[in-house]
Each structure stands twice: as C-alpha cells, then as structure tokens.
N, C-alpha and C. Protein backbone atom coordinates (compact mmCIF):
# COMPACT_ATOMS: atom_id res chain seq x y z
N MET A 1 -15.60 -7.00 27.01
CA MET A 1 -15.11 -8.66 26.30
C MET A 1 -14.48 -9.27 27.99
N GLY A 2 -14.49 -10.14 27.51
CA GLY A 2 -13.92 -11.89 28.70
C GLY A 2 -13.38 -11.69 29.36
N ALA A 3 -13.09 -11.85 30.40
CA ALA A 3 -11.35 -12.91 30.92
C ALA A 3 -10.97 -13.38 30.26
N LYS A 4 -10.68 -14.28 29.07
CA LYS A 4 -10.04 -15.11 28.55
C LYS A 4 -10.24 -14.06 26.94
N GLU A 5 -10.11 -12.71 26.47
CA GLU A 5 -9.87 -12.52 25.08
C GLU A 5 -8.90 -10.99 25.79
N ALA A 6 -8.94 -11.14 27.58
CA ALA A 6 -8.71 -10.11 28.21
C ALA A 6 -7.32 -10.43 28.61
N LYS A 7 -6.87 -11.54 29.03
CA LYS A 7 -5.68 -12.01 29.33
C LYS A 7 -5.22 -12.84 28.01
N ALA A 8 -5.71 -12.20 26.19
CA ALA A 8 -5.22 -12.15 26.09
C ALA A 8 -4.68 -11.36 25.13
N ARG A 9 -5.57 -10.49 25.51
CA ARG A 9 -4.73 -8.68 24.98
C ARG A 9 -3.43 -8.70 25.70
N ILE A 10 -3.23 -9.05 27.32
CA ILE A 10 -2.18 -8.82 28.29
C ILE A 10 -1.38 -9.05 27.57
N LYS A 11 -1.25 -10.48 26.93
CA LYS A 11 -0.59 -10.97 26.72
C LYS A 11 0.37 -10.08 25.63
N ILE A 12 -0.26 -10.31 23.87
CA ILE A 12 -0.15 -9.68 23.63
C ILE A 12 0.22 -7.97 23.83
N ASN A 13 0.20 -7.32 24.63
CA ASN A 13 0.33 -5.77 25.29
C ASN A 13 1.94 -6.32 25.30
N LYS A 14 2.13 -7.57 26.12
CA LYS A 14 3.88 -8.00 26.15
C LYS A 14 4.31 -7.95 24.63
N LEU A 15 4.20 -8.66 24.69
CA LEU A 15 4.81 -9.09 23.34
C LEU A 15 5.02 -7.64 22.20
N LEU A 16 4.68 -7.21 21.85
CA LEU A 16 4.35 -5.80 21.70
C LEU A 16 5.46 -4.74 22.21
N GLU A 17 4.84 -5.14 23.28
CA GLU A 17 5.44 -3.63 24.29
C GLU A 17 7.21 -4.35 24.05
N ALA A 18 7.83 -6.37 24.36
CA ALA A 18 9.34 -6.36 23.88
C ALA A 18 9.64 -6.23 22.72
N ALA A 19 8.28 -5.40 21.98
CA ALA A 19 8.97 -5.24 20.12
C ALA A 19 9.17 -4.03 19.86
N GLY A 20 9.31 -3.71 20.45
CA GLY A 20 9.49 -2.38 20.65
C GLY A 20 8.46 -1.30 20.46
N CYS A 21 7.01 -1.67 20.43
CA CYS A 21 5.81 -1.04 20.47
C CYS A 21 5.31 -0.53 21.73
N ARG A 22 4.51 1.69 20.90
CA ARG A 22 4.29 2.16 21.85
C ARG A 22 3.19 2.33 22.08
N PHE A 23 2.39 1.95 23.17
CA PHE A 23 0.97 2.56 23.39
C PHE A 23 0.53 3.87 23.41
N PHE A 24 1.93 4.91 23.99
CA PHE A 24 2.26 6.17 24.40
C PHE A 24 3.48 6.79 23.43
N ASP A 25 2.71 8.21 23.77
CA ASP A 25 4.26 8.45 23.40
C ASP A 25 5.12 9.04 24.07
N ASP A 26 6.75 8.60 23.90
CA ASP A 26 7.39 8.58 24.83
C ASP A 26 8.64 9.58 24.68
N GLU A 27 10.27 9.13 25.23
CA GLU A 27 11.66 9.06 24.72
C GLU A 27 12.04 9.01 23.49
N THR A 28 11.66 7.80 23.88
CA THR A 28 12.06 7.17 22.24
C THR A 28 11.64 7.58 21.26
N GLY A 29 10.28 7.48 21.55
CA GLY A 29 9.21 7.63 19.90
C GLY A 29 7.36 7.99 20.06
N PRO A 30 6.90 8.41 18.93
CA PRO A 30 5.50 8.40 18.93
C PRO A 30 5.20 7.81 19.56
N ALA A 31 4.03 7.09 19.61
CA ALA A 31 2.96 6.45 19.52
C ALA A 31 3.48 5.44 18.55
N ASN A 32 2.93 3.40 18.32
CA ASN A 32 3.00 3.68 17.34
C ASN A 32 2.45 1.93 16.91
N ILE A 33 1.45 2.41 17.94
CA ILE A 33 -0.29 1.54 18.05
C ILE A 33 -1.45 1.71 18.55
N GLN A 34 -2.71 1.98 17.44
CA GLN A 34 -4.23 2.78 17.77
C GLN A 34 -4.99 1.66 18.25
N LEU A 35 -5.41 2.73 18.83
CA LEU A 35 -7.40 1.16 19.40
C LEU A 35 -7.98 1.65 19.01
N GLU A 36 -8.31 2.97 19.09
CA GLU A 36 -9.30 3.82 18.20
C GLU A 36 -8.87 4.36 17.42
N ALA A 37 -9.12 3.68 16.31
CA ALA A 37 -9.13 5.07 14.40
C ALA A 37 -9.50 6.19 15.11
N ASN A 38 -8.16 7.03 14.37
CA ASN A 38 -8.13 8.84 14.23
C ASN A 38 -8.41 9.24 16.35
N VAL A 39 -7.81 8.79 16.53
CA VAL A 39 -8.06 8.73 18.25
C VAL A 39 -6.32 8.67 19.16
N LYS A 40 -5.46 9.37 19.62
CA LYS A 40 -4.57 9.64 19.72
C LYS A 40 -4.89 9.72 21.67
N LEU A 41 -4.13 8.53 21.93
CA LEU A 41 -4.70 7.60 23.48
C LEU A 41 -3.46 8.49 24.08
N THR A 42 -4.64 8.86 25.26
CA THR A 42 -3.53 9.00 26.23
C THR A 42 -3.90 8.29 28.18
N LYS A 43 -2.83 8.73 28.35
CA LYS A 43 -3.68 7.32 29.62
C LYS A 43 -4.34 7.82 30.09
N LYS A 44 -4.71 8.40 30.27
CA LYS A 44 -5.99 9.66 30.70
C LYS A 44 -7.13 8.93 30.21
N LYS A 45 -6.72 8.78 29.49
CA LYS A 45 -8.37 8.35 28.20
C LYS A 45 -8.11 7.27 28.37
N VAL A 46 -7.46 6.16 28.36
CA VAL A 46 -8.20 4.62 28.46
C VAL A 46 -8.33 3.72 30.15
N ASP A 47 -7.57 4.80 30.89
CA ASP A 47 -8.35 4.72 32.84
C ASP A 47 -10.19 4.78 32.45
N GLU A 48 -10.30 5.82 31.46
CA GLU A 48 -11.53 6.11 31.49
C GLU A 48 -12.08 5.36 30.46
N PHE A 49 -11.17 4.71 30.29
CA PHE A 49 -12.31 3.25 29.24
C PHE A 49 -12.43 1.96 29.85
N GLY A 50 -12.22 1.87 30.86
CA GLY A 50 -12.14 1.35 31.82
C GLY A 50 -11.45 -0.57 31.06
N GLU A 51 -13.19 -1.42 31.68
CA GLU A 51 -12.31 -2.07 30.85
C GLU A 51 -13.59 -2.71 29.47
N ASN A 52 -14.10 -1.15 29.47
CA ASN A 52 -15.05 -1.30 28.74
C ASN A 52 -14.35 -0.65 27.35
N PHE A 53 -13.98 -0.75 26.36
CA PHE A 53 -13.34 -0.53 25.29
C PHE A 53 -14.26 -0.13 24.07
N GLU A 54 -15.60 -1.07 24.47
CA GLU A 54 -16.80 -1.13 23.73
C GLU A 54 -17.08 1.08 23.19
N LYS A 55 -17.04 0.85 24.59
CA LYS A 55 -17.54 2.37 24.72
C LYS A 55 -17.16 4.11 23.43
N THR A 56 -15.82 3.17 23.12
CA THR A 56 -15.72 3.99 22.27
C THR A 56 -16.43 4.61 20.68
N LYS A 57 -15.98 5.41 20.12
CA LYS A 57 -17.15 6.04 19.51
C LYS A 57 -16.79 5.64 18.08
N ASN A 58 -15.33 5.49 17.85
CA ASN A 58 -16.60 4.81 15.90
C ASN A 58 -15.59 3.20 16.09
N GLY A 59 -15.64 2.88 16.60
CA GLY A 59 -15.77 1.12 17.16
C GLY A 59 -14.40 1.25 17.64
N PHE A 60 -13.89 -0.48 17.35
CA PHE A 60 -13.41 -0.79 18.45
C PHE A 60 -12.10 -1.57 17.46
N ILE A 61 -10.53 -1.71 17.81
CA ILE A 61 -10.42 -2.74 16.31
C ILE A 61 -8.72 -2.66 18.65
N ASP A 62 -8.99 -4.61 18.13
CA ASP A 62 -7.45 -4.93 18.99
C ASP A 62 -6.58 -3.70 18.95
N PHE A 63 -5.73 -3.89 18.39
CA PHE A 63 -4.34 -3.19 17.96
C PHE A 63 -4.62 -3.00 16.93
N LEU A 64 -4.17 -1.92 16.00
CA LEU A 64 -4.11 -0.64 14.68
C LEU A 64 -2.47 -0.44 15.00
N LEU A 65 -1.41 -1.28 14.15
CA LEU A 65 -0.12 -0.68 14.00
C LEU A 65 0.66 0.31 12.99
N LEU A 66 0.99 1.43 13.41
CA LEU A 66 1.37 2.02 12.71
C LEU A 66 2.65 2.15 12.24
N ASP A 67 3.02 1.87 10.84
CA ASP A 67 4.54 2.40 9.86
C ASP A 67 5.09 3.61 11.24
N GLU A 68 6.40 3.83 10.27
CA GLU A 68 6.69 4.95 10.90
C GLU A 68 7.04 6.19 10.56
N ASN A 69 6.17 6.02 9.76
CA ASN A 69 5.30 7.19 9.05
C ASN A 69 3.68 7.31 9.81
N GLY A 70 3.83 7.05 10.52
CA GLY A 70 2.29 7.41 10.91
C GLY A 70 0.67 6.42 10.73
N LYS A 71 1.45 5.60 9.43
CA LYS A 71 0.32 5.01 8.51
C LYS A 71 0.43 3.51 9.02
N PRO A 72 -1.13 3.74 8.96
CA PRO A 72 -1.47 1.90 10.20
C PRO A 72 -1.08 0.41 8.40
N PHE A 73 -0.42 0.24 9.59
CA PHE A 73 0.29 -0.57 9.04
C PHE A 73 -0.06 -2.80 8.78
N ILE A 74 -0.63 -2.77 10.48
CA ILE A 74 -1.38 -4.49 10.18
C ILE A 74 -2.37 -3.82 12.00
N VAL A 75 -3.43 -4.86 11.42
CA VAL A 75 -4.70 -5.49 12.17
C VAL A 75 -3.62 -6.51 12.81
N LEU A 76 -4.04 -5.96 13.92
CA LEU A 76 -4.13 -7.23 15.14
C LEU A 76 -5.87 -7.37 15.29
N GLU A 77 -6.17 -8.50 15.85
CA GLU A 77 -7.57 -8.84 16.30
C GLU A 77 -6.97 -10.05 17.81
N ALA A 78 -7.21 -9.63 18.28
CA ALA A 78 -7.25 -11.00 19.62
C ALA A 78 -8.46 -11.77 20.14
N LYS A 79 -8.28 -12.81 19.82
CA LYS A 79 -9.32 -13.72 20.69
C LYS A 79 -8.82 -14.43 21.92
N SER A 80 -10.18 -15.14 21.75
CA SER A 80 -9.55 -16.30 22.87
C SER A 80 -9.48 -17.23 22.48
N GLU A 81 -8.27 -18.26 23.26
CA GLU A 81 -8.04 -19.68 22.25
C GLU A 81 -9.12 -20.15 22.34
N GLU A 82 -10.26 -20.22 22.72
CA GLU A 82 -11.86 -21.76 21.83
C GLU A 82 -11.71 -20.66 20.52
N HIS A 83 -12.57 -19.62 20.88
CA HIS A 83 -12.42 -19.05 19.11
C HIS A 83 -11.17 -19.45 17.74
N ASP A 84 -12.62 -19.92 17.15
CA ASP A 84 -11.94 -20.25 15.91
C ASP A 84 -10.62 -18.84 15.54
N PRO A 85 -9.69 -19.13 14.56
CA PRO A 85 -9.04 -18.60 14.56
C PRO A 85 -9.63 -17.48 13.35
N LEU A 86 -10.40 -18.32 12.48
CA LEU A 86 -10.64 -17.49 11.03
C LEU A 86 -11.52 -15.98 11.82
N VAL A 87 -12.39 -16.30 12.50
CA VAL A 87 -13.26 -15.63 13.19
C VAL A 87 -12.66 -14.45 13.45
N GLY A 88 -10.90 -14.60 14.42
CA GLY A 88 -10.61 -12.82 13.91
C GLY A 88 -10.36 -12.46 13.01
N LYS A 89 -10.16 -13.13 11.82
CA LYS A 89 -8.76 -13.19 10.78
C LYS A 89 -10.13 -12.17 10.46
N GLU A 90 -11.85 -12.26 10.05
CA GLU A 90 -12.58 -12.11 8.94
C GLU A 90 -12.65 -10.36 10.06
N GLN A 91 -12.26 -10.75 11.35
CA GLN A 91 -13.45 -8.65 12.24
C GLN A 91 -11.66 -8.26 11.66
N ALA A 92 -10.83 -8.61 11.82
CA ALA A 92 -9.93 -8.21 11.17
C ALA A 92 -10.35 -6.75 9.77
N ARG A 93 -9.77 -8.22 8.53
CA ARG A 93 -10.05 -8.32 7.65
C ARG A 93 -10.85 -6.92 7.04
N ASN A 94 -13.06 -6.64 7.71
CA ASN A 94 -13.94 -6.51 7.65
C ASN A 94 -13.77 -4.78 8.40
N TYR A 95 -12.48 -4.98 9.67
CA TYR A 95 -12.33 -3.49 9.87
C TYR A 95 -11.71 -3.47 8.66
N ALA A 96 -10.86 -3.63 8.98
CA ALA A 96 -9.46 -3.30 7.96
C ALA A 96 -10.62 -2.29 6.52
N LYS A 97 -10.95 -3.00 6.02
CA LYS A 97 -12.25 -2.94 4.54
C LYS A 97 -12.34 -1.78 5.46
N SER A 98 -13.06 -1.56 6.96
CA SER A 98 -13.76 -0.24 6.91
C SER A 98 -12.98 1.00 7.04
N GLN A 99 -11.65 1.15 6.91
CA GLN A 99 -10.40 1.87 7.14
C GLN A 99 -10.18 2.06 5.57
N SER A 100 -10.67 1.06 4.82
CA SER A 100 -9.89 1.49 3.86
C SER A 100 -7.54 1.16 3.75
N LEU A 101 -8.03 -0.23 4.96
CA LEU A 101 -6.44 -0.21 4.93
C LEU A 101 -6.64 -1.20 3.59
N SER A 102 -5.29 -1.20 2.77
CA SER A 102 -4.67 -2.33 1.99
C SER A 102 -4.94 -3.22 2.18
N MET A 103 -5.67 -4.72 1.54
CA MET A 103 -5.19 -5.77 2.82
C MET A 103 -4.03 -6.87 1.89
C-alpha cells in the first residue's frame, strides 16, 4: 500500500468513526466494519498486520460495512487521488461479486 492510499484510508477511518461505525466491539455495540471477510478483527490482529494488510488470508478489502444484523452492506475501496475512481469502483464490484454480495 502506498503512502497516498494510506492517507486516504486514514481520512476514511476518521469519517467512518465520526459516523458511528466501529472497527472493534465496544460499549456502544459490536464492530460493524470488516477488513477481511469472515474474520473478527482484534487490536492484536491489526497490530500483527502492521502496514501490510496484503498478508491477510482471504484477500483484502479496504472496508466492508455491516448492517445492524452483521450482514455485509457496503463495500468501500480506498484509492489515492491520482487513481481514476472507476478503478476503485471495479475493484469493489469484483470483491462484492466474489463474496456473493448483491450489487
């Protein structure tokens, strides 16, 4: 992951958290963001990834938002501003299809 994409993810993280999304279970409810399909994230796992999320087993998605029932709801793909947004859109579409998410 390049520095510019990492900066985009940091911005997105802050926006998601401000909107009430959670990367981890807390007193307000269960996590509603996944970064790897079918894997419950813990702070320890995130620390183990370091900056190389490509080490994940099942492929990596930038953000998979879950609905109130814990079901996949939204796929978000982070890209640096120098990439055409359609590249991210197609990556998100392909990920959603591979996970049998409706489009």
